[in-house]
Structure formats: C-alpha cells, structure tokens
Amino acid sequence: QQLLSGMRLSLTLRVGKDGHARAGQLLS
C-alpha cells in the first residue's frame, strides 16, 4: 500500500470465446 499504491492480483477467468473485452471492462 505504501510503496506500490495498492495490491496486485492475478485473476484467471473462463470468459468464453468473445468475452475478453467484456470481462476487462467489468473488472475496470
């Protein structure tokens, strides 16, 4: 929090063949 201005996460999702952009928008 102090040095990196927050946490880092790795998130693996099953998004379907065309759901990558939609998943990215959701997470944002």
PDB file of all heavy atoms in Angstrom:
ATOM      1  N   GLN A   1       0.838  -1.204   0.000  1.00  0.00           N
ATOM      2  CA  GLN A   1       0.000   0.000   0.000  1.00  0.00           C
ATOM      3  C   GLN A   1       0.871   1.250   0.000  1.00  0.00           C
ATOM      4  O   GLN A   1       0.598   2.217  -0.710  1.00  0.00           O
ATOM      5  CB  GLN A   1      -0.921  -0.001   1.229  1.00  0.00           C
ATOM      6  CG  GLN A   1      -1.960  -1.104   1.228  1.00  0.00           C
ATOM      7  CD  GLN A   1      -3.111  -0.831   0.279  1.00  0.00           C
ATOM      8  OE1 GLN A   1      -3.245   0.263  -0.247  1.00  0.00           O
ATOM      9  NE2 GLN A   1      -3.936  -1.837   0.043  1.00  0.00           N
ATOM     10  N   GLN A   2       1.948   1.229   0.814  1.00  0.00           N
ATOM     11  CA  GLN A   2       2.798   2.407   0.958  1.00  0.00           C
ATOM     12  C   GLN A   2       3.642   2.669  -0.284  1.00  0.00           C
ATOM     13  O   GLN A   2       3.767   3.804  -0.751  1.00  0.00           O
ATOM     14  CB  GLN A   2       3.737   2.245   2.155  1.00  0.00           C
ATOM     15  CG  GLN A   2       3.049   2.207   3.507  1.00  0.00           C
ATOM     16  CD  GLN A   2       4.023   1.911   4.614  1.00  0.00           C
ATOM     17  OE1 GLN A   2       5.176   2.340   4.576  1.00  0.00           O
ATOM     18  NE2 GLN A   2       3.592   1.162   5.614  1.00  0.00           N
ATOM     19  N   LEU A   3       4.240   1.605  -0.831  1.00  0.00           N
ATOM     20  CA  LEU A   3       5.252   1.771  -1.869  1.00  0.00           C
ATOM     21  C   LEU A   3       4.746   1.512  -3.275  1.00  0.00           C
ATOM     22  O   LEU A   3       5.346   1.969  -4.240  1.00  0.00           O
ATOM     23  CB  LEU A   3       6.440   0.847  -1.583  1.00  0.00           C
ATOM     24  CG  LEU A   3       7.147   1.106  -0.251  1.00  0.00           C
ATOM     25  CD1 LEU A   3       8.191   0.037   0.001  1.00  0.00           C
ATOM     26  CD2 LEU A   3       7.796   2.479  -0.249  1.00  0.00           C
ATOM     27  N   LEU A   4       3.675   0.761  -3.408  1.00  0.00           N
ATOM     28  CA  LEU A   4       3.163   0.447  -4.736  1.00  0.00           C
ATOM     29  C   LEU A   4       1.782   1.028  -4.981  1.00  0.00           C
ATOM     30  O   LEU A   4       1.172   0.766  -6.006  1.00  0.00           O
ATOM     31  CB  LEU A   4       3.104  -1.075  -4.933  1.00  0.00           C
ATOM     32  CG  LEU A   4       4.429  -1.822  -4.832  1.00  0.00           C
ATOM     33  CD1 LEU A   4       4.194  -3.303  -5.042  1.00  0.00           C
ATOM     34  CD2 LEU A   4       5.425  -1.296  -5.842  1.00  0.00           C
ATOM     35  N   SER A   5       1.291   1.815  -4.030  1.00  0.00           N
ATOM     36  CA  SER A   5      -0.048   2.405  -4.129  1.00  0.00           C
ATOM     37  C   SER A   5      -1.112   1.342  -4.323  1.00  0.00           C
ATOM     38  O   SER A   5      -2.032   1.492  -5.123  1.00  0.00           O
ATOM     39  CB  SER A   5      -0.092   3.417  -5.286  1.00  0.00           C
ATOM     40  OG  SER A   5       0.856   4.438  -5.075  1.00  0.00           O
ATOM     41  N   GLY A   6      -0.986   0.239  -3.592  1.00  0.00           N
ATOM     42  CA  GLY A   6      -2.025  -0.767  -3.638  1.00  0.00           C
ATOM     43  C   GLY A   6      -1.531  -2.182  -3.859  1.00  0.00           C
ATOM     44  O   GLY A   6      -0.354  -2.433  -4.027  1.00  0.00           O
ATOM     45  N   MET A   7      -2.493  -3.115  -3.848  1.00  0.00           N
ATOM     46  CA  MET A   7      -2.204  -4.525  -4.040  1.00  0.00           C
ATOM     47  C   MET A   7      -2.090  -4.862  -5.517  1.00  0.00           C
ATOM     48  O   MET A   7      -2.506  -4.110  -6.383  1.00  0.00           O
ATOM     49  CB  MET A   7      -3.311  -5.386  -3.422  1.00  0.00           C
ATOM     50  CG  MET A   7      -3.439  -5.323  -1.928  1.00  0.00           C
ATOM     51  SD  MET A   7      -4.918  -6.219  -1.359  1.00  0.00           S
ATOM     52  CE  MET A   7      -4.614  -7.866  -2.015  1.00  0.00           C
ATOM     53  N   ARG A   8      -1.522  -6.037  -5.773  1.00  0.00           N
ATOM     54  CA  ARG A   8      -1.508  -6.616  -7.112  1.00  0.00           C
ATOM     55  C   ARG A   8      -2.224  -7.966  -7.041  1.00  0.00           C
ATOM     56  O   ARG A   8      -1.999  -8.745  -6.108  1.00  0.00           O
ATOM     57  CB  ARG A   8      -0.082  -6.827  -7.617  1.00  0.00           C
ATOM     58  CG  ARG A   8       0.789  -5.567  -7.660  1.00  0.00           C
ATOM     59  CD  ARG A   8       0.268  -4.559  -8.691  1.00  0.00           C
ATOM     60  NE  ARG A   8       1.258  -3.567  -9.030  1.00  0.00           N
ATOM     61  CZ  ARG A   8       1.369  -2.384  -8.457  1.00  0.00           C
ATOM     62  NH1 ARG A   8       0.566  -2.054  -7.465  1.00  0.00           N
ATOM     63  NH2 ARG A   8       2.284  -1.518  -8.857  1.00  0.00           N
ATOM     64  N   LEU A   9      -3.089  -8.239  -8.014  1.00  0.00           N
ATOM     65  CA  LEU A   9      -3.799  -9.512  -8.071  1.00  0.00           C
ATOM     66  C   LEU A   9      -3.652 -10.128  -9.451  1.00  0.00           C
ATOM     67  O   LEU A   9      -3.518  -9.419 -10.456  1.00  0.00           O
ATOM     68  CB  LEU A   9      -5.302  -9.329  -7.792  1.00  0.00           C
ATOM     69  CG  LEU A   9      -5.770  -9.019  -6.378  1.00  0.00           C
ATOM     70  CD1 LEU A   9      -7.292  -8.953  -6.371  1.00  0.00           C
ATOM     71  CD2 LEU A   9      -5.287 -10.055  -5.397  1.00  0.00           C
ATOM     72  N   SER A  10      -3.688 -11.453  -9.468  1.00  0.00           N
ATOM     73  CA  SER A  10      -3.772 -12.193 -10.721  1.00  0.00           C
ATOM     74  C   SER A  10      -5.113 -12.920 -10.718  1.00  0.00           C
ATOM     75  O   SER A  10      -5.428 -13.650  -9.777  1.00  0.00           O
ATOM     76  CB  SER A  10      -2.619 -13.191 -10.831  1.00  0.00           C
ATOM     77  OG  SER A  10      -2.753 -13.968 -11.998  1.00  0.00           O
ATOM     78  N   LEU A  11      -5.906 -12.713 -11.772  1.00  0.00           N
ATOM     79  CA  LEU A  11      -7.267 -13.238 -11.826  1.00  0.00           C
ATOM     80  C   LEU A  11      -7.429 -14.050 -13.116  1.00  0.00           C
ATOM     81  O   LEU A  11      -7.217 -13.529 -14.214  1.00  0.00           O
ATOM     82  CB  LEU A  11      -8.253 -12.072 -11.802  1.00  0.00           C
ATOM     83  CG  LEU A  11      -9.730 -12.360 -11.501  1.00  0.00           C
ATOM     84  CD1 LEU A  11      -9.886 -12.907 -10.101  1.00  0.00           C
ATOM     85  CD2 LEU A  11     -10.547 -11.092 -11.664  1.00  0.00           C
ATOM     86  N   THR A  12      -7.774 -15.327 -12.975  1.00  0.00           N
ATOM     87  CA  THR A  12      -7.976 -16.190 -14.138  1.00  0.00           C
ATOM     88  C   THR A  12      -9.463 -16.512 -14.264  1.00  0.00           C
ATOM     89  O   THR A  12     -10.078 -17.028 -13.329  1.00  0.00           O
ATOM     90  CB  THR A  12      -7.166 -17.494 -14.007  1.00  0.00           C
ATOM     91  OG1 THR A  12      -5.790 -17.175 -13.814  1.00  0.00           O
ATOM     92  CG2 THR A  12      -7.311 -18.342 -15.261  1.00  0.00           C
ATOM     93  N   LEU A  13     -10.025 -16.199 -15.439  1.00  0.00           N
ATOM     94  CA  LEU A  13     -11.466 -16.350 -15.648  1.00  0.00           C
ATOM     95  C   LEU A  13     -11.756 -17.187 -16.898  1.00  0.00           C
ATOM     96  O   LEU A  13     -10.989 -17.164 -17.870  1.00  0.00           O
ATOM     97  CB  LEU A  13     -12.131 -14.983 -15.838  1.00  0.00           C
ATOM     98  CG  LEU A  13     -11.938 -13.930 -14.749  1.00  0.00           C
ATOM     99  CD1 LEU A  13     -12.632 -12.640 -15.167  1.00  0.00           C
ATOM    100  CD2 LEU A  13     -12.463 -14.424 -13.419  1.00  0.00           C
ATOM    101  N   ARG A  14     -12.874 -17.898 -16.858  1.00  0.00           N
ATOM    102  CA  ARG A  14     -13.405 -18.505 -18.071  1.00  0.00           C
ATOM    103  C   ARG A  14     -14.417 -17.511 -18.638  1.00  0.00           C
ATOM    104  O   ARG A  14     -15.487 -17.299 -18.072  1.00  0.00           O
ATOM    105  CB  ARG A  14     -14.068 -19.843 -17.763  1.00  0.00           C
ATOM    106  CG  ARG A  14     -14.432 -20.632 -19.028  1.00  0.00           C
ATOM    107  CD  ARG A  14     -14.987 -22.005 -18.706  1.00  0.00           C
ATOM    108  NE  ARG A  14     -14.054 -22.815 -17.939  1.00  0.00           N
ATOM    109  CZ  ARG A  14     -13.008 -23.467 -18.459  1.00  0.00           C
ATOM    110  NH1 ARG A  14     -12.764 -23.373 -19.767  1.00  0.00           N
ATOM    111  NH2 ARG A  14     -12.237 -24.203 -17.701  1.00  0.00           N
ATOM    112  N   VAL A  15     -14.030 -16.884 -19.759  1.00  0.00           N
ATOM    113  CA  VAL A  15     -14.806 -15.758 -20.272  1.00  0.00           C
ATOM    114  C   VAL A  15     -15.566 -16.088 -21.549  1.00  0.00           C
ATOM    115  O   VAL A  15     -16.312 -15.239 -22.062  1.00  0.00           O
ATOM    116  CB  VAL A  15     -13.876 -14.552 -20.545  1.00  0.00           C
ATOM    117  CG1 VAL A  15     -13.243 -14.070 -19.262  1.00  0.00           C
ATOM    118  CG2 VAL A  15     -12.816 -14.901 -21.584  1.00  0.00           C
ATOM    119  N   GLY A  16     -15.378 -17.296 -22.087  1.00  0.00           N
ATOM    120  CA  GLY A  16     -15.980 -17.606 -23.377  1.00  0.00           C
ATOM    121  C   GLY A  16     -15.081 -17.122 -24.503  1.00  0.00           C
ATOM    122  O   GLY A  16     -14.090 -16.419 -24.277  1.00  0.00           O
ATOM    123  N   LYS A  17     -15.422 -17.455 -25.726  1.00  0.00           N
ATOM    124  CA  LYS A  17     -14.537 -17.128 -26.852  1.00  0.00           C
ATOM    125  C   LYS A  17     -14.479 -15.632 -27.145  1.00  0.00           C
ATOM    126  O   LYS A  17     -13.491 -15.132 -27.665  1.00  0.00           O
ATOM    127  CB  LYS A  17     -14.998 -17.895 -28.094  1.00  0.00           C
ATOM    128  CG  LYS A  17     -14.783 -19.398 -27.987  1.00  0.00           C
ATOM    129  CD  LYS A  17     -15.147 -20.096 -29.285  1.00  0.00           C
ATOM    130  CE  LYS A  17     -14.884 -21.593 -29.187  1.00  0.00           C
ATOM    131  NZ  LYS A  17     -15.221 -22.315 -30.441  1.00  0.00           N
ATOM    132  N   ASP A  18     -15.529 -14.908 -26.864  1.00  0.00           N
ATOM    133  CA  ASP A  18     -15.561 -13.484 -27.223  1.00  0.00           C
ATOM    134  C   ASP A  18     -15.759 -12.578 -26.007  1.00  0.00           C
ATOM    135  O   ASP A  18     -16.175 -11.421 -26.158  1.00  0.00           O
ATOM    136  CB  ASP A  18     -16.695 -13.227 -28.231  1.00  0.00           C
ATOM    137  CG  ASP A  18     -16.526 -14.050 -29.496  1.00  0.00           C
ATOM    138  OD1 ASP A  18     -15.383 -14.117 -29.988  1.00  0.00           O
ATOM    139  OD2 ASP A  18     -17.523 -14.643 -29.948  1.00  0.00           O
ATOM    140  N   GLY A  19     -15.451 -13.085 -24.803  1.00  0.00           N
ATOM    141  CA  GLY A  19     -15.755 -12.311 -23.601  1.00  0.00           C
ATOM    142  C   GLY A  19     -14.588 -11.582 -22.971  1.00  0.00           C
ATOM    143  O   GLY A  19     -14.728 -11.000 -21.895  1.00  0.00           O
ATOM    144  N   HIS A  20     -13.428 -11.586 -23.638  1.00  0.00           N
ATOM    145  CA  HIS A  20     -12.243 -10.969 -23.034  1.00  0.00           C
ATOM    146  C   HIS A  20     -12.427  -9.477 -22.762  1.00  0.00           C
ATOM    147  O   HIS A  20     -12.142  -8.993 -21.664  1.00  0.00           O
ATOM    148  CB  HIS A  20     -11.025 -11.181 -23.941  1.00  0.00           C
ATOM    149  CG  HIS A  20     -10.650 -12.616 -24.127  1.00  0.00           C
ATOM    150  ND1 HIS A  20     -11.426 -13.495 -24.833  1.00  0.00           N
ATOM    151  CD2 HIS A  20      -9.579 -13.320 -23.682  1.00  0.00           C
ATOM    152  CE1 HIS A  20     -10.841 -14.689 -24.841  1.00  0.00           C
ATOM    153  NE2 HIS A  20      -9.719 -14.607 -24.135  1.00  0.00           N
ATOM    154  N   ALA A  21     -12.912  -8.757 -23.778  1.00  0.00           N
ATOM    155  CA  ALA A  21     -13.092  -7.309 -23.628  1.00  0.00           C
ATOM    156  C   ALA A  21     -14.150  -6.998 -22.582  1.00  0.00           C
ATOM    157  O   ALA A  21     -13.993  -6.088 -21.756  1.00  0.00           O
ATOM    158  CB  ALA A  21     -13.456  -6.680 -24.967  1.00  0.00           C
ATOM    159  N   ARG A  22     -15.249  -7.758 -22.614  1.00  0.00           N
ATOM    160  CA  ARG A  22     -16.335  -7.521 -21.645  1.00  0.00           C
ATOM    161  C   ARG A  22     -15.853  -7.777 -20.221  1.00  0.00           C
ATOM    162  O   ARG A  22     -16.182  -7.026 -19.298  1.00  0.00           O
ATOM    163  CB  ARG A  22     -17.527  -8.423 -21.977  1.00  0.00           C
ATOM    164  CG  ARG A  22     -18.774  -8.134 -21.135  1.00  0.00           C
ATOM    165  CD  ARG A  22     -20.004  -8.804 -21.750  1.00  0.00           C
ATOM    166  NE  ARG A  22     -19.926 -10.254 -21.715  1.00  0.00           N
ATOM    167  CZ  ARG A  22     -20.356 -11.006 -20.681  1.00  0.00           C
ATOM    168  NH1 ARG A  22     -20.908 -10.408 -19.629  1.00  0.00           N
ATOM    169  NH2 ARG A  22     -20.269 -12.312 -20.725  1.00  0.00           N
ATOM    170  N   ALA A  23     -15.041  -8.818 -20.031  1.00  0.00           N
ATOM    171  CA  ALA A  23     -14.505  -9.111 -18.698  1.00  0.00           C
ATOM    172  C   ALA A  23     -13.569  -8.001 -18.228  1.00  0.00           C
ATOM    173  O   ALA A  23     -13.605  -7.585 -17.069  1.00  0.00           O
ATOM    174  CB  ALA A  23     -13.775 -10.454 -18.715  1.00  0.00           C
ATOM    175  N   GLY A  24     -12.749  -7.499 -19.146  1.00  0.00           N
ATOM    176  CA  GLY A  24     -11.844  -6.409 -18.794  1.00  0.00           C
ATOM    177  C   GLY A  24     -12.597  -5.166 -18.367  1.00  0.00           C
ATOM    178  O   GLY A  24     -12.226  -4.490 -17.398  1.00  0.00           O
ATOM    179  N   GLN A  25     -13.680  -4.837 -19.095  1.00  0.00           N
ATOM    180  CA  GLN A  25     -14.494  -3.670 -18.737  1.00  0.00           C
ATOM    181  C   GLN A  25     -15.164  -3.855 -17.385  1.00  0.00           C
ATOM    182  O   GLN A  25     -15.257  -2.926 -16.579  1.00  0.00           O
ATOM    183  CB  GLN A  25     -15.541  -3.429 -19.825  1.00  0.00           C
ATOM    184  CG  GLN A  25     -14.957  -2.973 -21.149  1.00  0.00           C
ATOM    185  CD  GLN A  25     -16.003  -2.880 -22.251  1.00  0.00           C
ATOM    186  OE1 GLN A  25     -17.166  -3.249 -22.048  1.00  0.00           O
ATOM    187  NE2 GLN A  25     -15.599  -2.397 -23.418  1.00  0.00           N
ATOM    188  N   LEU A  26     -15.622  -5.077 -17.127  1.00  0.00           N
ATOM    189  CA  LEU A  26     -16.262  -5.372 -15.844  1.00  0.00           C
ATOM    190  C   LEU A  26     -15.291  -5.158 -14.690  1.00  0.00           C
ATOM    191  O   LEU A  26     -15.620  -4.491 -13.701  1.00  0.00           O
ATOM    192  CB  LEU A  26     -16.774  -6.812 -15.839  1.00  0.00           C
ATOM    193  CG  LEU A  26     -17.292  -7.329 -14.483  1.00  0.00           C
ATOM    194  CD1 LEU A  26     -18.637  -6.692 -14.160  1.00  0.00           C
ATOM    195  CD2 LEU A  26     -17.409  -8.847 -14.485  1.00  0.00           C
ATOM    196  N   LEU A  27     -14.097  -5.706 -14.835  1.00  0.00           N
ATOM    197  CA  LEU A  27     -13.108  -5.592 -13.767  1.00  0.00           C
ATOM    198  C   LEU A  27     -12.697  -4.133 -13.546  1.00  0.00           C
ATOM    199  O   LEU A  27     -12.512  -3.699 -12.412  1.00  0.00           O
ATOM    200  CB  LEU A  27     -11.872  -6.440 -14.108  1.00  0.00           C
ATOM    201  CG  LEU A  27     -12.110  -7.956 -14.213  1.00  0.00           C
ATOM    202  CD1 LEU A  27     -10.855  -8.656 -14.710  1.00  0.00           C
ATOM    203  CD2 LEU A  27     -12.551  -8.532 -12.871  1.00  0.00           C
ATOM    204  N   SER A  28     -12.567  -3.386 -14.622  1.00  0.00           N
ATOM    205  CA  SER A  28     -12.179  -1.971 -14.513  1.00  0.00           C
ATOM    206  C   SER A  28     -13.221  -1.151 -13.774  1.00  0.00           C
ATOM    207  O   SER A  28     -12.904  -0.127 -13.161  1.00  0.00           O
ATOM    208  CB  SER A  28     -11.956  -1.375 -15.912  1.00  0.00           C
ATOM    209  OG  SER A  28     -10.913  -2.034 -16.579  1.00  0.00           O
TER     210      SER A  28
END
